[in-house]
N, C-alpha and C. Protein backbone atom coordinates (compact mmCIF):
# COMPACT_ATOMS: atom_id res chain seq x y z
N UNK A 1 -32.38 10.18 1.72
CA UNK A 1 -31.56 9.21 1.00
C UNK A 1 -30.15 9.26 1.57
N UNK A 2 -29.80 8.28 2.36
CA UNK A 2 -28.52 8.31 3.07
C UNK A 2 -27.33 8.19 2.13
N UNK A 3 -27.55 7.69 0.91
CA UNK A 3 -26.45 7.57 -0.05
C UNK A 3 -26.02 8.91 -0.58
N UNK A 4 -26.83 9.96 -0.36
CA UNK A 4 -26.52 11.29 -0.89
C UNK A 4 -26.06 12.25 0.19
N UNK A 5 -25.60 11.75 1.28
CA UNK A 5 -25.11 12.63 2.34
C UNK A 5 -23.99 11.94 3.10
N UNK A 6 -23.13 12.75 3.68
CA UNK A 6 -22.11 12.18 4.56
C UNK A 6 -22.82 11.72 5.83
N UNK A 7 -22.24 10.73 6.46
CA UNK A 7 -22.85 10.21 7.67
C UNK A 7 -21.93 10.47 8.86
N UNK A 8 -22.54 10.91 9.93
CA UNK A 8 -21.82 10.96 11.20
C UNK A 8 -22.20 9.72 11.99
N UNK A 9 -21.23 9.08 12.58
CA UNK A 9 -21.53 7.92 13.41
C UNK A 9 -21.18 8.23 14.86
N UNK A 10 -22.16 8.14 15.69
CA UNK A 10 -21.95 8.40 17.11
C UNK A 10 -22.06 7.09 17.87
N UNK A 11 -21.10 6.84 18.70
CA UNK A 11 -21.12 5.62 19.50
C UNK A 11 -21.55 5.97 20.91
N UNK A 12 -22.51 5.23 21.41
CA UNK A 12 -23.04 5.51 22.74
C UNK A 12 -23.03 4.24 23.57
N UNK A 13 -22.49 4.34 24.74
CA UNK A 13 -22.54 3.20 25.67
C UNK A 13 -23.80 3.31 26.51
N UNK A 14 -24.59 2.29 26.51
CA UNK A 14 -25.80 2.26 27.32
C UNK A 14 -25.66 1.16 28.35
N UNK A 15 -25.82 1.51 29.58
CA UNK A 15 -25.67 0.51 30.64
C UNK A 15 -27.00 -0.20 30.87
N UNK A 16 -26.96 -1.51 30.79
CA UNK A 16 -28.17 -2.30 31.01
C UNK A 16 -27.84 -3.43 31.97
N UNK A 17 -28.38 -3.35 33.19
CA UNK A 17 -28.22 -4.43 34.18
C UNK A 17 -26.75 -4.83 34.35
N UNK A 18 -25.91 -3.90 34.65
CA UNK A 18 -24.48 -4.13 34.87
C UNK A 18 -23.70 -4.44 33.60
N UNK A 19 -24.36 -4.57 32.44
CA UNK A 19 -23.66 -4.85 31.19
C UNK A 19 -23.71 -3.61 30.31
N UNK A 20 -22.63 -3.40 29.57
CA UNK A 20 -22.61 -2.28 28.63
C UNK A 20 -22.92 -2.80 27.24
N UNK A 21 -23.80 -2.12 26.55
CA UNK A 21 -24.17 -2.50 25.19
C UNK A 21 -23.78 -1.36 24.26
N UNK A 22 -23.11 -1.70 23.15
CA UNK A 22 -22.68 -0.69 22.19
C UNK A 22 -23.80 -0.44 21.19
N UNK A 23 -24.21 0.83 21.08
CA UNK A 23 -25.28 1.21 20.17
C UNK A 23 -24.71 2.19 19.16
N UNK A 24 -24.97 1.96 17.89
CA UNK A 24 -24.49 2.85 16.83
C UNK A 24 -25.68 3.63 16.30
N UNK A 25 -25.57 4.96 16.36
CA UNK A 25 -26.61 5.82 15.80
C UNK A 25 -26.08 6.44 14.51
N UNK A 26 -26.81 6.33 13.44
CA UNK A 26 -26.42 6.90 12.16
C UNK A 26 -27.28 8.12 11.92
N UNK A 27 -26.63 9.27 11.73
CA UNK A 27 -27.35 10.53 11.60
C UNK A 27 -27.00 11.18 10.27
N UNK A 28 -27.99 11.54 9.51
CA UNK A 28 -27.79 12.21 8.23
C UNK A 28 -27.57 13.70 8.46
N UNK A 29 -26.60 14.28 7.76
CA UNK A 29 -26.32 15.71 7.88
C UNK A 29 -26.27 16.32 6.49
N UNK A 30 -27.34 17.00 6.09
CA UNK A 30 -27.41 17.58 4.74
C UNK A 30 -26.55 18.82 4.57
N UNK A 31 -25.97 19.32 5.66
CA UNK A 31 -25.15 20.54 5.55
C UNK A 31 -23.78 20.26 4.95
N UNK A 32 -23.36 18.99 4.97
CA UNK A 32 -22.01 18.66 4.49
C UNK A 32 -21.98 18.61 2.96
N UNK A 33 -20.84 18.98 2.35
CA UNK A 33 -20.75 18.99 0.88
C UNK A 33 -20.82 17.58 0.31
N UNK A 34 -21.27 17.51 -0.92
CA UNK A 34 -21.43 16.22 -1.58
C UNK A 34 -20.48 16.12 -2.77
N UNK A 35 -19.99 14.93 -3.03
CA UNK A 35 -19.21 14.66 -4.23
C UNK A 35 -20.00 13.64 -5.04
N UNK A 36 -20.56 14.09 -6.12
CA UNK A 36 -21.38 13.21 -6.95
C UNK A 36 -20.49 12.34 -7.83
N UNK A 37 -20.82 11.08 -7.95
CA UNK A 37 -20.11 10.19 -8.87
C UNK A 37 -20.50 10.52 -10.30
N UNK A 38 -19.50 10.58 -11.18
CA UNK A 38 -19.81 10.86 -12.59
C UNK A 38 -19.67 9.62 -13.46
N UNK A 39 -19.07 8.57 -12.90
CA UNK A 39 -18.89 7.35 -13.68
C UNK A 39 -18.70 6.18 -12.73
N UNK A 40 -18.95 5.00 -13.22
CA UNK A 40 -18.76 3.79 -12.44
C UNK A 40 -17.96 2.81 -13.28
N UNK A 41 -16.90 2.25 -12.67
CA UNK A 41 -16.09 1.24 -13.34
C UNK A 41 -16.43 -0.10 -12.71
N UNK A 42 -16.92 -1.00 -13.50
CA UNK A 42 -17.30 -2.31 -12.98
C UNK A 42 -16.09 -3.22 -12.94
N UNK A 43 -15.79 -3.74 -11.77
CA UNK A 43 -14.67 -4.65 -11.59
C UNK A 43 -15.22 -6.05 -11.36
N UNK A 44 -14.59 -7.05 -11.97
CA UNK A 44 -15.07 -8.42 -11.84
C UNK A 44 -14.21 -9.24 -10.89
N UNK A 45 -13.34 -8.56 -10.15
CA UNK A 45 -12.52 -9.21 -9.13
C UNK A 45 -12.11 -8.16 -8.11
N UNK A 46 -11.52 -8.62 -7.01
CA UNK A 46 -11.15 -7.71 -5.93
C UNK A 46 -10.01 -6.79 -6.33
N UNK A 47 -10.14 -5.51 -5.95
CA UNK A 47 -9.05 -4.55 -6.10
C UNK A 47 -8.22 -4.61 -4.83
N UNK A 48 -6.94 -4.91 -4.96
CA UNK A 48 -6.07 -5.10 -3.80
C UNK A 48 -5.10 -3.95 -3.57
N UNK A 49 -4.93 -3.07 -4.57
CA UNK A 49 -4.03 -1.92 -4.43
C UNK A 49 -4.45 -0.84 -5.41
N UNK A 50 -4.11 0.40 -5.08
CA UNK A 50 -4.45 1.51 -5.98
C UNK A 50 -3.55 2.70 -5.68
N UNK A 51 -3.45 3.60 -6.64
CA UNK A 51 -2.76 4.87 -6.41
C UNK A 51 -3.20 5.87 -7.46
N UNK A 52 -3.14 7.16 -7.11
CA UNK A 52 -3.35 8.20 -8.11
C UNK A 52 -2.01 8.50 -8.76
N UNK A 53 -2.04 8.83 -10.06
CA UNK A 53 -0.79 9.08 -10.79
C UNK A 53 -0.61 10.58 -10.98
N UNK A 54 -1.53 11.20 -11.69
CA UNK A 54 -1.52 12.66 -11.84
C UNK A 54 -2.89 13.08 -12.31
N UNK A 55 -3.35 14.20 -11.85
CA UNK A 55 -4.64 14.77 -12.23
C UNK A 55 -5.72 13.70 -12.26
N UNK A 56 -6.16 13.29 -13.43
CA UNK A 56 -7.29 12.36 -13.51
C UNK A 56 -6.86 10.93 -13.82
N UNK A 57 -5.59 10.61 -13.67
CA UNK A 57 -5.11 9.25 -13.94
C UNK A 57 -4.90 8.50 -12.63
N UNK A 58 -5.21 7.20 -12.65
CA UNK A 58 -4.98 6.38 -11.47
C UNK A 58 -4.75 4.94 -11.90
N UNK A 59 -4.20 4.16 -10.99
CA UNK A 59 -3.89 2.75 -11.26
C UNK A 59 -4.60 1.87 -10.25
N UNK A 60 -5.02 0.70 -10.72
CA UNK A 60 -5.63 -0.31 -9.87
C UNK A 60 -4.89 -1.62 -10.04
N UNK A 61 -4.73 -2.36 -8.95
CA UNK A 61 -4.16 -3.70 -8.99
C UNK A 61 -5.18 -4.68 -8.46
N UNK A 62 -5.24 -5.86 -9.04
CA UNK A 62 -6.28 -6.82 -8.66
C UNK A 62 -5.71 -8.08 -8.02
N UNK A 63 -6.62 -8.90 -7.52
CA UNK A 63 -6.23 -10.13 -6.85
C UNK A 63 -5.60 -11.15 -7.80
N UNK A 64 -5.89 -11.06 -9.08
CA UNK A 64 -5.29 -11.99 -10.04
C UNK A 64 -4.00 -11.44 -10.66
N UNK A 65 -3.64 -10.19 -10.34
CA UNK A 65 -2.39 -9.62 -10.85
C UNK A 65 -2.54 -8.63 -11.99
N UNK A 66 -3.77 -8.25 -12.31
CA UNK A 66 -3.95 -7.26 -13.38
C UNK A 66 -3.59 -5.87 -12.86
N UNK A 67 -2.78 -5.15 -13.65
CA UNK A 67 -2.42 -3.77 -13.36
C UNK A 67 -3.12 -2.91 -14.41
N UNK A 68 -4.04 -2.08 -13.99
CA UNK A 68 -4.91 -1.32 -14.89
C UNK A 68 -4.69 0.17 -14.68
N UNK A 69 -4.42 0.90 -15.77
CA UNK A 69 -4.23 2.35 -15.71
C UNK A 69 -5.43 3.01 -16.37
N UNK A 70 -6.06 3.94 -15.64
CA UNK A 70 -7.24 4.64 -16.14
C UNK A 70 -6.98 6.13 -16.27
N UNK A 71 -7.58 6.73 -17.28
CA UNK A 71 -7.70 8.17 -17.40
C UNK A 71 -9.18 8.45 -17.25
N UNK A 72 -9.56 9.05 -16.13
CA UNK A 72 -10.97 9.13 -15.74
C UNK A 72 -11.53 7.71 -15.72
N UNK A 73 -12.58 7.42 -16.51
CA UNK A 73 -13.12 6.06 -16.50
C UNK A 73 -12.73 5.27 -17.74
N UNK A 74 -11.70 5.75 -18.46
CA UNK A 74 -11.23 5.05 -19.67
C UNK A 74 -9.96 4.26 -19.37
N UNK A 75 -9.98 2.97 -19.66
CA UNK A 75 -8.80 2.13 -19.50
C UNK A 75 -7.81 2.47 -20.60
N UNK A 76 -6.62 2.95 -20.23
CA UNK A 76 -5.65 3.38 -21.25
C UNK A 76 -4.51 2.38 -21.42
N UNK A 77 -4.22 1.57 -20.40
CA UNK A 77 -3.18 0.55 -20.54
C UNK A 77 -3.34 -0.48 -19.43
N UNK A 78 -2.78 -1.66 -19.68
CA UNK A 78 -2.86 -2.72 -18.67
C UNK A 78 -1.67 -3.65 -18.81
N UNK A 79 -1.40 -4.35 -17.72
CA UNK A 79 -0.33 -5.34 -17.68
C UNK A 79 -0.79 -6.47 -16.76
N UNK A 80 -0.07 -7.56 -16.77
CA UNK A 80 -0.44 -8.70 -15.94
C UNK A 80 0.79 -9.17 -15.17
N UNK A 81 0.71 -9.07 -13.84
CA UNK A 81 1.81 -9.51 -12.98
C UNK A 81 1.62 -10.94 -12.49
N UNK A 82 0.53 -11.59 -12.92
CA UNK A 82 0.28 -13.03 -12.71
C UNK A 82 -0.07 -13.45 -11.29
N UNK A 83 0.01 -12.57 -10.33
CA UNK A 83 -0.43 -12.90 -8.97
C UNK A 83 -0.85 -11.61 -8.26
N UNK A 84 -1.47 -11.76 -7.12
CA UNK A 84 -2.07 -10.62 -6.43
C UNK A 84 -1.10 -9.45 -6.27
N UNK A 85 -1.56 -8.28 -6.64
CA UNK A 85 -0.73 -7.07 -6.51
C UNK A 85 -0.87 -6.56 -5.08
N UNK A 86 0.27 -6.43 -4.39
CA UNK A 86 0.24 -6.03 -2.98
C UNK A 86 0.34 -4.52 -2.81
N UNK A 87 0.96 -3.83 -3.77
CA UNK A 87 1.03 -2.37 -3.68
C UNK A 87 1.42 -1.76 -5.02
N UNK A 88 0.99 -0.50 -5.21
CA UNK A 88 1.32 0.28 -6.41
C UNK A 88 1.69 1.68 -5.95
N UNK A 89 2.75 2.23 -6.56
CA UNK A 89 3.17 3.59 -6.23
C UNK A 89 3.41 4.36 -7.52
N UNK A 90 3.07 5.66 -7.53
CA UNK A 90 3.34 6.47 -8.72
C UNK A 90 4.82 6.81 -8.82
N UNK A 91 5.29 6.91 -10.06
CA UNK A 91 6.66 7.36 -10.31
C UNK A 91 6.61 8.20 -11.59
N UNK A 92 6.58 9.52 -11.45
CA UNK A 92 6.36 10.40 -12.60
C UNK A 92 4.99 10.10 -13.17
N UNK A 93 4.94 9.79 -14.46
CA UNK A 93 3.67 9.42 -15.08
C UNK A 93 3.55 7.91 -15.24
N UNK A 94 4.44 7.17 -14.59
CA UNK A 94 4.37 5.71 -14.61
C UNK A 94 4.06 5.21 -13.20
N UNK A 95 4.02 3.90 -13.04
CA UNK A 95 3.81 3.31 -11.72
C UNK A 95 4.81 2.18 -11.50
N UNK A 96 5.06 1.89 -10.23
CA UNK A 96 5.85 0.72 -9.85
C UNK A 96 4.95 -0.14 -8.98
N UNK A 97 4.80 -1.39 -9.38
CA UNK A 97 3.89 -2.30 -8.68
C UNK A 97 4.63 -3.56 -8.26
N UNK A 98 4.12 -4.20 -7.22
CA UNK A 98 4.72 -5.45 -6.73
C UNK A 98 3.62 -6.47 -6.51
N UNK A 99 3.92 -7.72 -6.87
CA UNK A 99 2.96 -8.81 -6.67
C UNK A 99 3.47 -9.75 -5.58
N UNK A 100 2.54 -10.48 -4.96
CA UNK A 100 2.94 -11.33 -3.84
C UNK A 100 3.78 -12.54 -4.25
N UNK A 101 3.76 -12.92 -5.52
CA UNK A 101 4.60 -14.03 -5.97
C UNK A 101 6.01 -13.58 -6.36
N UNK A 102 6.28 -12.26 -6.25
CA UNK A 102 7.66 -11.82 -6.37
C UNK A 102 8.03 -11.04 -7.61
N UNK A 103 7.08 -10.41 -8.28
CA UNK A 103 7.42 -9.58 -9.44
C UNK A 103 7.26 -8.11 -9.08
N UNK A 104 8.33 -7.34 -9.27
CA UNK A 104 8.27 -5.88 -9.16
C UNK A 104 8.43 -5.34 -10.56
N UNK A 105 7.55 -4.43 -10.95
CA UNK A 105 7.54 -3.96 -12.34
C UNK A 105 7.28 -2.46 -12.39
N UNK A 106 8.08 -1.77 -13.19
CA UNK A 106 7.75 -0.38 -13.53
C UNK A 106 6.99 -0.41 -14.84
N UNK A 107 5.89 0.32 -14.87
CA UNK A 107 4.98 0.26 -16.01
C UNK A 107 4.62 1.65 -16.48
N UNK A 108 4.93 1.93 -17.74
CA UNK A 108 4.59 3.21 -18.36
C UNK A 108 4.04 2.91 -19.75
N UNK A 109 2.77 2.52 -19.81
CA UNK A 109 2.09 2.05 -21.02
C UNK A 109 2.59 0.67 -21.44
N UNK A 110 3.89 0.45 -21.30
CA UNK A 110 4.46 -0.88 -21.47
C UNK A 110 5.42 -1.09 -20.28
N UNK A 111 5.73 -2.35 -19.92
CA UNK A 111 6.70 -2.57 -18.84
C UNK A 111 8.06 -1.98 -19.19
N UNK A 112 8.62 -1.17 -18.30
CA UNK A 112 9.93 -0.56 -18.51
C UNK A 112 11.04 -1.46 -17.98
N UNK A 113 10.82 -2.01 -16.79
CA UNK A 113 11.73 -3.01 -16.24
C UNK A 113 10.98 -3.93 -15.30
N UNK A 114 11.57 -5.11 -15.07
CA UNK A 114 11.00 -6.09 -14.17
C UNK A 114 12.09 -6.63 -13.25
N UNK A 115 11.69 -6.99 -12.05
CA UNK A 115 12.59 -7.62 -11.10
C UNK A 115 11.86 -8.81 -10.51
N UNK A 116 12.45 -9.99 -10.61
CA UNK A 116 11.83 -11.21 -10.07
C UNK A 116 12.46 -11.57 -8.73
N UNK A 117 11.60 -11.81 -7.75
CA UNK A 117 12.04 -12.20 -6.41
C UNK A 117 11.50 -13.59 -6.15
N UNK A 118 12.35 -14.59 -6.15
CA UNK A 118 11.89 -15.98 -6.11
C UNK A 118 11.18 -16.34 -4.82
N UNK A 119 11.47 -15.63 -3.74
CA UNK A 119 10.86 -15.97 -2.44
C UNK A 119 9.57 -15.20 -2.18
N UNK A 120 9.07 -14.49 -3.17
CA UNK A 120 7.81 -13.77 -3.00
C UNK A 120 8.00 -12.44 -2.28
N UNK A 121 6.94 -11.64 -2.28
CA UNK A 121 7.00 -10.31 -1.64
C UNK A 121 5.85 -10.19 -0.67
N UNK A 122 6.18 -9.86 0.57
CA UNK A 122 5.17 -9.63 1.60
C UNK A 122 4.81 -8.15 1.70
N UNK A 123 5.82 -7.29 1.62
CA UNK A 123 5.63 -5.83 1.75
C UNK A 123 6.44 -5.12 0.67
N UNK A 124 5.89 -4.02 0.17
CA UNK A 124 6.64 -3.19 -0.78
C UNK A 124 6.23 -1.74 -0.59
N UNK A 125 7.23 -0.86 -0.46
CA UNK A 125 6.98 0.58 -0.41
C UNK A 125 7.98 1.26 -1.35
N UNK A 126 7.56 2.40 -1.89
CA UNK A 126 8.43 3.16 -2.80
C UNK A 126 8.36 4.62 -2.39
N UNK A 127 9.52 5.22 -2.20
CA UNK A 127 9.58 6.60 -1.69
C UNK A 127 9.57 7.64 -2.80
N UNK A 128 9.69 7.21 -4.06
CA UNK A 128 9.89 8.14 -5.16
C UNK A 128 11.35 8.16 -5.60
N UNK A 129 12.21 7.63 -4.73
CA UNK A 129 13.64 7.54 -5.03
C UNK A 129 14.11 6.09 -4.91
N UNK A 130 13.71 5.43 -3.83
CA UNK A 130 14.10 4.05 -3.57
C UNK A 130 12.87 3.19 -3.31
N UNK A 131 13.01 1.91 -3.64
CA UNK A 131 11.99 0.94 -3.30
C UNK A 131 12.52 0.00 -2.23
N UNK A 132 11.62 -0.44 -1.36
CA UNK A 132 11.99 -1.34 -0.26
C UNK A 132 10.99 -2.48 -0.24
N UNK A 133 11.47 -3.71 -0.25
CA UNK A 133 10.53 -4.82 -0.12
C UNK A 133 11.09 -5.88 0.81
N UNK A 134 10.17 -6.63 1.42
CA UNK A 134 10.56 -7.76 2.24
C UNK A 134 9.93 -9.01 1.65
N UNK A 135 10.67 -10.13 1.75
CA UNK A 135 10.17 -11.38 1.21
C UNK A 135 9.68 -12.29 2.33
N UNK A 136 9.26 -13.47 1.96
CA UNK A 136 8.68 -14.40 2.93
C UNK A 136 9.71 -14.94 3.91
N UNK A 137 11.00 -14.77 3.63
CA UNK A 137 12.05 -15.25 4.52
C UNK A 137 12.55 -14.17 5.47
N UNK A 138 12.02 -12.94 5.33
CA UNK A 138 12.44 -11.86 6.19
C UNK A 138 13.59 -11.03 5.65
N UNK A 139 13.96 -11.25 4.39
CA UNK A 139 15.01 -10.43 3.78
C UNK A 139 14.40 -9.11 3.31
N UNK A 140 15.05 -8.01 3.64
CA UNK A 140 14.63 -6.68 3.19
C UNK A 140 15.62 -6.20 2.14
N UNK A 141 15.10 -5.82 0.98
CA UNK A 141 15.94 -5.43 -0.16
C UNK A 141 15.63 -3.99 -0.54
N UNK A 142 16.68 -3.22 -0.79
CA UNK A 142 16.55 -1.84 -1.24
C UNK A 142 16.93 -1.78 -2.71
N UNK A 143 16.06 -1.18 -3.54
CA UNK A 143 16.34 -1.02 -4.97
C UNK A 143 16.22 0.45 -5.34
N UNK A 144 16.83 0.82 -6.46
CA UNK A 144 16.65 2.19 -6.95
C UNK A 144 15.46 2.24 -7.90
N UNK A 145 15.21 3.39 -8.48
CA UNK A 145 14.03 3.58 -9.33
C UNK A 145 14.13 2.86 -10.66
N UNK A 146 15.31 2.28 -10.96
CA UNK A 146 15.47 1.48 -12.18
C UNK A 146 15.47 -0.01 -11.89
N UNK A 147 15.16 -0.38 -10.65
CA UNK A 147 15.06 -1.79 -10.29
C UNK A 147 16.38 -2.46 -9.95
N UNK A 148 17.45 -1.67 -9.79
CA UNK A 148 18.76 -2.23 -9.45
C UNK A 148 18.90 -2.33 -7.93
N UNK A 149 19.36 -3.50 -7.47
CA UNK A 149 19.49 -3.71 -6.04
C UNK A 149 20.66 -2.91 -5.48
N UNK A 150 20.42 -2.23 -4.37
CA UNK A 150 21.47 -1.46 -3.70
C UNK A 150 22.09 -2.29 -2.60
N UNK A 151 21.28 -2.86 -1.75
CA UNK A 151 21.76 -3.79 -0.74
C UNK A 151 20.57 -4.54 -0.15
N UNK A 152 20.87 -5.56 0.63
CA UNK A 152 19.82 -6.29 1.33
C UNK A 152 20.29 -6.61 2.74
N UNK A 153 19.33 -6.84 3.61
CA UNK A 153 19.64 -7.24 4.98
C UNK A 153 18.56 -8.18 5.46
N UNK A 154 18.91 -9.04 6.40
CA UNK A 154 17.96 -10.05 6.85
C UNK A 154 17.38 -9.67 8.20
N UNK A 155 16.05 -9.71 8.28
CA UNK A 155 15.33 -9.48 9.53
C UNK A 155 14.23 -10.52 9.62
N UNK A 156 14.22 -11.28 10.69
CA UNK A 156 13.15 -12.27 10.84
C UNK A 156 11.81 -11.57 11.08
N UNK A 157 10.75 -12.15 10.58
CA UNK A 157 9.39 -11.73 10.91
C UNK A 157 9.14 -10.24 10.69
N UNK A 158 9.34 -9.77 9.46
CA UNK A 158 9.03 -8.38 9.13
C UNK A 158 7.52 -8.23 9.03
N UNK A 159 6.99 -7.25 9.74
CA UNK A 159 5.55 -7.02 9.74
C UNK A 159 5.15 -5.94 8.75
N UNK A 160 5.91 -4.84 8.72
CA UNK A 160 5.55 -3.72 7.87
C UNK A 160 6.78 -2.88 7.53
N UNK A 161 6.70 -2.20 6.37
CA UNK A 161 7.76 -1.28 5.94
C UNK A 161 7.16 0.10 5.72
N UNK A 162 7.99 1.12 5.89
CA UNK A 162 7.57 2.50 5.59
C UNK A 162 8.78 3.27 5.11
N UNK A 163 8.53 4.30 4.29
CA UNK A 163 9.63 5.12 3.76
C UNK A 163 9.22 6.57 3.76
N UNK A 164 10.19 7.46 4.00
CA UNK A 164 9.91 8.90 3.92
C UNK A 164 9.78 9.31 2.46
N UNK A 165 9.04 10.38 2.22
CA UNK A 165 8.79 10.81 0.84
C UNK A 165 10.06 11.23 0.11
N UNK A 166 11.05 11.75 0.86
CA UNK A 166 12.30 12.17 0.21
C UNK A 166 13.27 11.02 0.00
N UNK A 167 12.92 9.83 0.51
CA UNK A 167 13.77 8.66 0.32
C UNK A 167 14.95 8.58 1.25
N UNK A 168 15.07 9.51 2.21
CA UNK A 168 16.24 9.53 3.09
C UNK A 168 16.16 8.50 4.21
N UNK A 169 14.94 8.10 4.58
CA UNK A 169 14.78 7.19 5.69
C UNK A 169 13.81 6.07 5.34
N UNK A 170 14.06 4.90 5.91
CA UNK A 170 13.03 3.88 5.84
C UNK A 170 12.99 3.11 7.14
N UNK A 171 11.82 2.54 7.42
CA UNK A 171 11.60 1.90 8.71
C UNK A 171 11.12 0.47 8.51
N UNK A 172 11.54 -0.40 9.41
CA UNK A 172 11.12 -1.79 9.44
C UNK A 172 10.46 -2.04 10.78
N UNK A 173 9.22 -2.48 10.75
CA UNK A 173 8.53 -2.88 11.98
C UNK A 173 8.43 -4.40 11.99
N UNK A 174 8.91 -5.02 13.05
CA UNK A 174 8.91 -6.48 13.14
C UNK A 174 7.76 -6.95 14.03
N UNK A 175 7.40 -8.21 13.88
CA UNK A 175 6.28 -8.74 14.64
C UNK A 175 6.56 -8.80 16.14
N UNK A 176 7.84 -8.78 16.54
CA UNK A 176 8.16 -8.80 17.97
C UNK A 176 8.16 -7.40 18.57
N UNK A 177 7.76 -6.38 17.77
CA UNK A 177 7.69 -5.01 18.26
C UNK A 177 8.93 -4.18 18.02
N UNK A 178 9.97 -4.76 17.44
CA UNK A 178 11.20 -4.01 17.16
C UNK A 178 10.98 -3.01 16.03
N UNK A 179 11.51 -1.80 16.20
CA UNK A 179 11.46 -0.77 15.16
C UNK A 179 12.89 -0.45 14.74
N UNK A 180 13.16 -0.56 13.45
CA UNK A 180 14.48 -0.27 12.90
C UNK A 180 14.34 0.86 11.89
N UNK A 181 15.12 1.91 12.07
CA UNK A 181 15.12 3.04 11.13
C UNK A 181 16.53 3.19 10.58
N UNK A 182 16.65 3.24 9.26
CA UNK A 182 17.97 3.38 8.65
C UNK A 182 17.86 4.19 7.37
N UNK A 183 18.99 4.40 6.73
CA UNK A 183 19.02 5.13 5.46
C UNK A 183 19.16 4.12 4.32
N UNK A 184 18.90 4.53 3.09
CA UNK A 184 19.10 3.61 1.96
C UNK A 184 20.54 3.15 1.78
N UNK A 185 21.48 3.87 2.41
CA UNK A 185 22.89 3.46 2.35
C UNK A 185 23.26 2.53 3.50
N UNK A 186 22.24 2.07 4.23
CA UNK A 186 22.41 1.10 5.32
C UNK A 186 23.06 1.71 6.56
N UNK A 187 22.87 3.01 6.79
CA UNK A 187 23.30 3.64 8.04
C UNK A 187 22.18 3.45 9.06
N UNK A 188 22.46 2.73 10.13
CA UNK A 188 21.46 2.45 11.15
C UNK A 188 21.28 3.67 12.04
N UNK A 189 20.05 4.16 12.16
CA UNK A 189 19.76 5.32 12.99
C UNK A 189 19.06 4.93 14.28
N UNK A 190 18.27 3.87 14.25
CA UNK A 190 17.57 3.45 15.45
C UNK A 190 17.25 1.96 15.37
N UNK A 191 17.40 1.30 16.49
CA UNK A 191 17.00 -0.10 16.62
C UNK A 191 16.47 -0.27 18.03
N UNK A 192 15.15 -0.19 18.18
CA UNK A 192 14.56 -0.22 19.51
C UNK A 192 13.56 -1.36 19.62
N UNK A 193 13.56 -1.98 20.79
CA UNK A 193 12.63 -3.06 21.08
C UNK A 193 11.40 -2.52 21.80
N UNK A 194 10.28 -3.18 21.60
CA UNK A 194 9.07 -2.79 22.28
C UNK A 194 9.06 -3.31 23.70
N UNK A 195 8.37 -2.61 24.57
CA UNK A 195 8.15 -3.09 25.91
C UNK A 195 7.34 -4.38 25.85
N UNK A 196 7.63 -5.31 26.74
CA UNK A 196 6.94 -6.61 26.72
C UNK A 196 5.43 -6.46 26.81
N UNK A 197 4.97 -5.43 27.52
CA UNK A 197 3.52 -5.22 27.68
C UNK A 197 2.86 -4.73 26.41
N UNK A 198 3.65 -4.26 25.42
CA UNK A 198 3.10 -3.75 24.16
C UNK A 198 3.06 -4.81 23.07
N UNK A 199 3.66 -5.96 23.31
CA UNK A 199 3.74 -6.99 22.26
C UNK A 199 2.50 -7.87 22.31
């Protein structure tokens, strides 16, 4: 029963008449440890974001904007952000979530604060100290853990954001291959362009 074992996947190139064909071999290995499921939560829509909060608590975000907090398999609280949730991050025993239509919300059984971004949100990351999001126009905004804006800067074509766990650094990756690293106080540490062959 392949559902009860981890699978190793080995990729093998087989040469056939000057052409290479990719063959996938699936091999069962009963020596590997198993994690048995103890419960199943039935979802009636796509889960678009998730995070663990503490011990047995976790949060799920859905394509319609539902923010669901579970303790094991028991739903303990929920909220509605009205549009697809793009990311969720833990903050103490609460969570901070962002939706693609522009709502950032801290939620601890009830919404603690909300921030509306009229131009929508493409990316959102939270370091535990600061939150960073980019909108559809390429503006990158830094907020604190209470949803107050610290500063913003404009970058065309933001592809992805990342933040260090201590909140001291954050990075902006642009679609043209540019990497920008700065601090939440807007101190620029690096601004490098990609080689043309890497774009």
